[in-house]
């Protein structure tokens, strides 16, 4: 399953909310440098779908606020 995540890095509070079926909104405390925020979002996606971290693959958006992930269940 492919999902789209709109990310807000450097937030005061962490959250992960569903906007639509395959579209999510995330706020993470980590900075957008050195892929810190990307790794945290990947962890939140794995936790939300209750799959191991290795089942969540980053597809696009490494430097953008909108990211695409593939979740293998």
C-alpha atoms as a PDB file:
ATOM      1  CA  UNK A   1       0.000   0.000   0.000  1.00  0.00           C
ATOM      2  CA  UNK A   2       1.295   3.464  -0.866  1.00  0.00           C
ATOM      3  CA  UNK A   3       0.629   6.359   1.450  1.00  0.00           C
ATOM      4  CA  UNK A   4       1.302  10.093   1.298  1.00  0.00           C
ATOM      5  CA  UNK A   5       2.462  11.958   4.417  1.00  0.00           C
ATOM      6  CA  UNK A   6       2.531  15.739   4.820  1.00  0.00           C
ATOM      7  CA  UNK A   7       5.340  16.422   7.332  1.00  0.00           C
ATOM      8  CA  UNK A   8       5.954  19.363   9.669  1.00  0.00           C
ATOM      9  CA  UNK A   9       9.476  19.092  11.120  1.00  0.00           C
ATOM     10  CA  UNK A  10      10.718  20.819  14.283  1.00  0.00           C
ATOM     11  CA  UNK A  11       7.272  20.803  15.936  1.00  0.00           C
ATOM     12  CA  UNK A  12       6.692  21.244  19.660  1.00  0.00           C
ATOM     13  CA  UNK A  13       4.382  18.216  19.874  1.00  0.00           C
ATOM     14  CA  UNK A  14       4.563  15.008  17.888  1.00  0.00           C
ATOM     15  CA  UNK A  15       1.428  13.750  16.122  1.00  0.00           C
ATOM     16  CA  UNK A  16       0.365  11.437  13.305  1.00  0.00           C
ATOM     17  CA  UNK A  17      -3.187  11.895  11.968  1.00  0.00           C
ATOM     18  CA  UNK A  18      -5.158  10.421   9.092  1.00  0.00           C
ATOM     19  CA  UNK A  19      -6.493  13.000   6.617  1.00  0.00           C
ATOM     20  CA  UNK A  20      -7.946  10.527   4.107  1.00  0.00           C
ATOM     21  CA  UNK A  21      -7.602   6.798   3.539  1.00  0.00           C
ATOM     22  CA  UNK A  22      -4.021   6.926   2.197  1.00  0.00           C
ATOM     23  CA  UNK A  23      -3.101  10.491   3.181  1.00  0.00           C
ATOM     24  CA  UNK A  24      -1.658  11.389   6.584  1.00  0.00           C
ATOM     25  CA  UNK A  25      -0.388  14.465   8.377  1.00  0.00           C
ATOM     26  CA  UNK A  26       2.596  14.251  10.728  1.00  0.00           C
ATOM     27  CA  UNK A  27       4.410  16.640  13.029  1.00  0.00           C
ATOM     28  CA  UNK A  28       7.756  15.544  14.436  1.00  0.00           C
ATOM     29  CA  UNK A  29      10.168  17.124  16.920  1.00  0.00           C
ATOM     30  CA  UNK A  30      13.243  16.247  14.873  1.00  0.00           C
ATOM     31  CA  UNK A  31      14.877  18.746  12.541  1.00  0.00           C
ATOM     32  CA  UNK A  32      14.804  18.422   8.770  1.00  0.00           C
ATOM     33  CA  UNK A  33      18.582  18.052   8.651  1.00  0.00           C
ATOM     34  CA  UNK A  34      20.511  14.812   8.112  1.00  0.00           C
ATOM     35  CA  UNK A  35      17.219  12.941   7.452  1.00  0.00           C
ATOM     36  CA  UNK A  36      16.309  13.046  11.152  1.00  0.00           C
ATOM     37  CA  UNK A  37      12.677  13.975  10.441  1.00  0.00           C
ATOM     38  CA  UNK A  38      12.425  11.405   7.622  1.00  0.00           C
ATOM     39  CA  UNK A  39      13.534   8.575   9.890  1.00  0.00           C
ATOM     40  CA  UNK A  40      11.104   9.615  12.615  1.00  0.00           C
ATOM     41  CA  UNK A  41       8.188   9.761  10.154  1.00  0.00           C
ATOM     42  CA  UNK A  42       9.122   6.310   8.885  1.00  0.00           C
ATOM     43  CA  UNK A  43       8.996   5.062  12.492  1.00  0.00           C
ATOM     44  CA  UNK A  44       5.570   6.660  13.037  1.00  0.00           C
ATOM     45  CA  UNK A  45       4.219   5.049   9.862  1.00  0.00           C
ATOM     46  CA  UNK A  46       5.458   1.621  10.995  1.00  0.00           C
ATOM     47  CA  UNK A  47       3.907   2.121  14.428  1.00  0.00           C
ATOM     48  CA  UNK A  48       0.562   3.257  12.947  1.00  0.00           C
ATOM     49  CA  UNK A  49       0.261   0.224  10.673  1.00  0.00           C
ATOM     50  CA  UNK A  50       1.724  -2.118  13.315  1.00  0.00           C
ATOM     51  CA  UNK A  51       4.457  -3.451  11.023  1.00  0.00           C
ATOM     52  CA  UNK A  52       8.237  -3.672  11.492  1.00  0.00           C
ATOM     53  CA  UNK A  53      10.318  -0.699  10.390  1.00  0.00           C
ATOM     54  CA  UNK A  54      11.790  -2.767   7.561  1.00  0.00           C
ATOM     55  CA  UNK A  55       8.284  -3.068   6.033  1.00  0.00           C
ATOM     56  CA  UNK A  56       8.090   0.702   5.449  1.00  0.00           C
ATOM     57  CA  UNK A  57       9.987   1.817   2.366  1.00  0.00           C
ATOM     58  CA  UNK A  58      10.681   5.455   1.481  1.00  0.00           C
ATOM     59  CA  UNK A  59       9.679   6.192  -2.136  1.00  0.00           C
ATOM     60  CA  UNK A  60       9.799   9.933  -2.860  1.00  0.00           C
ATOM     61  CA  UNK A  61      10.087  13.306  -1.155  1.00  0.00           C
ATOM     62  CA  UNK A  62      13.411  13.028   0.642  1.00  0.00           C
ATOM     63  CA  UNK A  63      13.782  16.838   0.647  1.00  0.00           C
ATOM     64  CA  UNK A  64      10.099  17.787   0.353  1.00  0.00           C
ATOM     65  CA  UNK A  65       7.420  18.185   3.003  1.00  0.00           C
ATOM     66  CA  UNK A  66       5.167  15.714   1.183  1.00  0.00           C
ATOM     67  CA  UNK A  67       6.569  12.184   1.238  1.00  0.00           C
ATOM     68  CA  UNK A  68       5.467   8.876  -0.254  1.00  0.00           C
ATOM     69  CA  UNK A  69       5.961   5.588   1.556  1.00  0.00           C
ATOM     70  CA  UNK A  70       5.175   2.009   0.645  1.00  0.00           C
ATOM     71  CA  UNK A  71       3.937  -0.213   3.463  1.00  0.00           C
ATOM     72  CA  UNK A  72       4.299  -3.961   2.997  1.00  0.00           C
ATOM     73  CA  UNK A  73       2.005  -5.846   5.339  1.00  0.00           C
END
